[in-house]
C-alpha atoms as a PDB file:
ATOM      1  CA  MET A   1     150.184 -80.680-140.245  1.00  0.00           C
ATOM      2  CA  ASN A   2     153.450 -79.988-138.445  1.00  0.00           C
ATOM      3  CA  ILE A   3     156.643 -79.141-140.316  1.00  0.00           C
ATOM      4  CA  LEU A   4     160.034 -80.804-139.806  1.00  0.00           C
ATOM      5  CA  ILE A   5     162.725 -78.400-140.979  1.00  0.00           C
ATOM      6  CA  ASN A   6     165.833 -80.250-142.114  1.00  0.00           C
ATOM      7  CA  LEU A   7     168.582 -77.689-141.408  1.00  0.00           C
ATOM      8  CA  THR A   8     171.596 -79.850-142.279  1.00  0.00           C
ATOM      9  CA  ASN A   9     174.029 -80.407-145.142  1.00  0.00           C
ATOM     10  CA  HIS A  10     172.128 -83.561-146.108  1.00  0.00           C
ATOM     11  CA  ARG A  11     169.049 -83.182-148.315  1.00  0.00           C
ATOM     12  CA  SER A  12     166.133 -85.336-147.241  1.00  0.00           C
ATOM     13  CA  SER A  13     165.999 -86.845-150.751  1.00  0.00           C
ATOM     14  CA  LYS A  14     169.208 -88.724-149.844  1.00  0.00           C
ATOM     15  CA  TRP A  15     167.864 -90.104-146.530  1.00  0.00           C
ATOM     16  CA  SER A  16     167.150 -93.779-145.945  1.00  0.00           C
ATOM     17  CA  LYS A  17     163.562 -95.040-145.948  1.00  0.00           C
ATOM     18  CA  LYS A  18     163.780 -95.485-142.170  1.00  0.00           C
ATOM     19  CA  GLN A  19     164.889 -91.884-141.608  1.00  0.00           C
ATOM     20  CA  ILE A  20     162.182 -90.518-143.907  1.00  0.00           C
ATOM     21  CA  SER A  21     159.547 -92.624-142.173  1.00  0.00           C
ATOM     22  CA  GLU A  22     160.580 -91.409-138.710  1.00  0.00           C
ATOM     23  CA  ALA A  23     160.872 -87.815-139.908  1.00  0.00           C
ATOM     24  CA  GLU A  24     157.376 -87.874-141.410  1.00  0.00           C
ATOM     25  CA  MET A  25     155.998 -88.841-137.999  1.00  0.00           C
ATOM     26  CA  LEU A  26     157.282 -85.464-136.779  1.00  0.00           C
ATOM     27  CA  GLY A  27     155.913 -83.453-139.679  1.00  0.00           C
ATOM     28  CA  GLU A  28     156.097 -82.688-143.365  1.00  0.00           C
ATOM     29  CA  ILE A  29     159.789 -82.547-144.298  1.00  0.00           C
ATOM     30  CA  THR A  30     161.079 -79.195-145.535  1.00  0.00           C
ATOM     31  CA  ASP A  31     164.755 -78.820-146.491  1.00  0.00           C
ATOM     32  CA  MET A  32     166.444 -75.598-145.410  1.00  0.00           C
ATOM     33  CA  PRO A  33     170.072 -75.670-146.595  1.00  0.00           C
ATOM     34  CA  PHE A  34     172.614 -75.256-143.828  1.00  0.00           C
ATOM     35  CA  PRO A  35     174.532 -71.994-144.257  1.00  0.00           C
ATOM     36  CA  GLU A  36     178.153 -71.793-145.330  1.00  0.00           C
ATOM     37  CA  VAL A  37     179.625 -70.499-142.069  1.00  0.00           C
ATOM     38  CA  ASP A  38     182.794 -68.457-142.594  1.00  0.00           C
ATOM     39  CA  PRO A  39     185.432 -69.963-140.279  1.00  0.00           C
ATOM     40  CA  TYR A  40     187.089 -66.521-140.093  1.00  0.00           C
ATOM     41  CA  GLY A  41     183.860 -64.767-139.150  1.00  0.00           C
ATOM     42  CA  SER A  42     183.615 -62.996-135.815  1.00  0.00           C
ATOM     43  CA  SER A  43     181.357 -63.978-132.951  1.00  0.00           C
ATOM     44  CA  GLU A  44     179.043 -61.127-133.967  1.00  0.00           C
ATOM     45  CA  TYR A  45     178.927 -62.526-137.506  1.00  0.00           C
ATOM     46  CA  ILE A  46     177.793 -65.919-136.162  1.00  0.00           C
ATOM     47  CA  ASP A  47     175.160 -64.248-133.973  1.00  0.00           C
ATOM     48  CA  GLU A  48     173.821 -62.340-137.000  1.00  0.00           C
ATOM     49  CA  LEU A  49     173.658 -65.560-139.040  1.00  0.00           C
ATOM     50  CA  VAL A  50     171.869 -67.315-136.183  1.00  0.00           C
ATOM     51  CA  GLU A  51     169.351 -64.457-135.985  1.00  0.00           C
ATOM     52  CA  GLU A  52     168.753 -64.645-139.748  1.00  0.00           C
ATOM     53  CA  TYR A  53     167.965 -68.369-139.571  1.00  0.00           C
ATOM     54  CA  PHE A  54     165.981 -68.012-136.363  1.00  0.00           C
ATOM     55  CA  LEU A  55     163.695 -65.509-138.092  1.00  0.00           C
ATOM     56  CA  LYS A  56     163.300 -67.823-141.121  1.00  0.00           C
ATOM     57  CA  ILE A  57     162.319 -70.698-138.821  1.00  0.00           C
ATOM     58  CA  LYS A  58     159.895 -68.513-136.842  1.00  0.00           C
ATOM     59  CA  GLU A  59     157.885 -68.036-140.055  1.00  0.00           C
ATOM     60  CA  TYR A  60     156.637 -71.628-139.625  1.00  0.00           C
ATOM     61  CA  ASP A  61     153.899 -72.565-137.187  1.00  0.00           C
ATOM     62  CA  GLN A  62     155.247 -74.906-134.490  1.00  0.00           C
ATOM     63  CA  PRO A  63     158.107 -76.425-136.459  1.00  0.00           C
ATOM     64  CA  VAL A  64     160.389 -79.219-135.312  1.00  0.00           C
ATOM     65  CA  VAL A  65     163.939 -78.410-136.401  1.00  0.00           C
ATOM     66  CA  LEU A  66     166.657 -80.941-137.213  1.00  0.00           C
ATOM     67  CA  VAL A  67     169.862 -78.928-136.738  1.00  0.00           C
ATOM     68  CA  GLN A  68     173.290 -80.391-137.469  1.00  0.00           C
ATOM     69  CA  GLY A  69     176.328 -78.721-138.942  1.00  0.00           C
ATOM     70  CA  GLU A  70     179.062 -76.256-137.996  1.00  0.00           C
ATOM     71  CA  TYR A  71     179.355 -76.434-134.211  1.00  0.00           C
ATOM     72  CA  LEU A  72     179.172 -72.804-133.033  1.00  0.00           C
ATOM     73  CA  PHE A  73     176.276 -71.924-135.306  1.00  0.00           C
ATOM     74  CA  THR A  74     174.429 -75.110-134.312  1.00  0.00           C
ATOM     75  CA  TYR A  75     175.011 -74.562-130.592  1.00  0.00           C
ATOM     76  CA  ARG A  76     173.834 -70.964-130.658  1.00  0.00           C
ATOM     77  CA  LEU A  77     170.838 -71.625-132.900  1.00  0.00           C
ATOM     78  CA  VAL A  78     169.690 -74.648-130.879  1.00  0.00           C
ATOM     79  CA  ASN A  79     169.852 -72.612-127.668  1.00  0.00           C
ATOM     80  CA  LYS A  80     167.906 -69.751-129.244  1.00  0.00           C
ATOM     81  CA  LEU A  81     165.257 -72.090-130.656  1.00  0.00           C
ATOM     82  CA  LYS A  82     164.869 -73.968-127.371  1.00  0.00           C
ATOM     83  CA  SER A  83     164.531 -70.666-125.477  1.00  0.00           C
ATOM     84  CA  ALA A  84     161.690 -69.793-127.851  1.00  0.00           C
ATOM     85  CA  GLY A  85     159.985 -73.126-127.152  1.00  0.00           C
ATOM     86  CA  ILE A  86     160.834 -74.634-130.537  1.00  0.00           C
ATOM     87  CA  LYS A  87     161.632 -78.350-130.486  1.00  0.00           C
ATOM     88  CA  THR A  88     165.094 -79.116-131.843  1.00  0.00           C
ATOM     89  CA  ILE A  89     166.437 -82.543-132.682  1.00  0.00           C
ATOM     90  CA  ALA A  90     169.547 -84.314-133.950  1.00  0.00           C
ATOM     91  CA  GLY A  91     169.805 -87.444-136.047  1.00  0.00           C
ATOM     92  CA  CYS A  92     171.706 -90.322-134.478  1.00  0.00           C
ATOM     93  CA  SER A  93     173.575 -92.871-136.559  1.00  0.00           C
ATOM     94  CA  ASP A  94     175.664 -95.958-136.043  1.00  0.00           C
ATOM     95  CA  ARG A  95     179.000 -95.418-137.782  1.00  0.00           C
ATOM     96  CA  ARG A  96     181.033 -98.391-138.923  1.00  0.00           C
ATOM     97  CA  THR A  97     184.536 -97.613-140.147  1.00  0.00           C
ATOM     98  CA  VAL A  98     186.829 -99.943-142.048  1.00  0.00           C
ATOM     99  CA  GLU A  99     190.476 -98.989-142.371  1.00  0.00           C
ATOM    100  CA  TYR A 100     192.995-100.629-144.658  1.00  0.00           C
ATOM    101  CA  VAL A 101     196.470 -99.993-146.047  1.00  0.00           C
ATOM    102  CA  ASP A 102     196.903-100.453-149.791  1.00  0.00           C
ATOM    103  CA  SER A 103     199.979-101.863-151.548  1.00  0.00           C
ATOM    104  CA  ASP A 104     201.524 -98.361-151.747  1.00  0.00           C
ATOM    105  CA  GLY A 105     201.232 -97.905-147.974  1.00  0.00           C
ATOM    106  CA  ARG A 106     198.352 -95.423-148.160  1.00  0.00           C
ATOM    107  CA  THR A 107     195.771 -95.707-145.416  1.00  0.00           C
ATOM    108  CA  THR A 108     192.151 -95.487-146.501  1.00  0.00           C
ATOM    109  CA  ARG A 109     189.103 -95.261-144.269  1.00  0.00           C
ATOM    110  CA  LYS A 110     185.573 -95.984-145.339  1.00  0.00           C
ATOM    111  CA  SER A 111     182.687 -95.077-143.065  1.00  0.00           C
ATOM    112  CA  GLU A 112     179.114 -96.288-143.371  1.00  0.00           C
ATOM    113  CA  PHE A 113     176.331 -94.640-141.425  1.00  0.00           C
ATOM    114  CA  GLU A 114     173.093 -96.334-140.473  1.00  0.00           C
ATOM    115  CA  PHE A 115     170.316 -94.069-139.184  1.00  0.00           C
ATOM    116  CA  VAL A 116     169.197 -95.078-135.679  1.00  0.00           C
ATOM    117  CA  GLY A 117     166.751 -92.346-134.684  1.00  0.00           C
ATOM    118  CA  PHE A 118     166.157 -88.733-133.697  1.00  0.00           C
ATOM    119  CA  LYS A 119     166.886 -87.345-130.245  1.00  0.00           C
ATOM    120  CA  GLU A 120     165.908 -84.017-128.782  1.00  0.00           C
ATOM    121  CA  TYR A 121     168.613 -81.535-127.820  1.00  0.00           C
END
């Protein structure tokens, strides 16, 4: 059976039934926690982190990788995975935001996300 590696900040145990169902069509779901990327790290640091995760992912046979998180790391890892012939995907959601001002004049925003589907990078 194929493996779907969930490389995001969102554990699959918190996904909606629809997202789990669609993910399972791609493979058995395996969570791989997204790294804490140091915002002060150099470009070389990011490349080393990408290489570390690339090698972890390469340990799996024909994985599909859901990659979403810090932008530079994601961009570089997705490009490296795609160059190696590894399918990479992103989750797409419909975001609905409600904004209101309370009696003290503070603005509050509440966002709800509804999973729509996966799309390939």
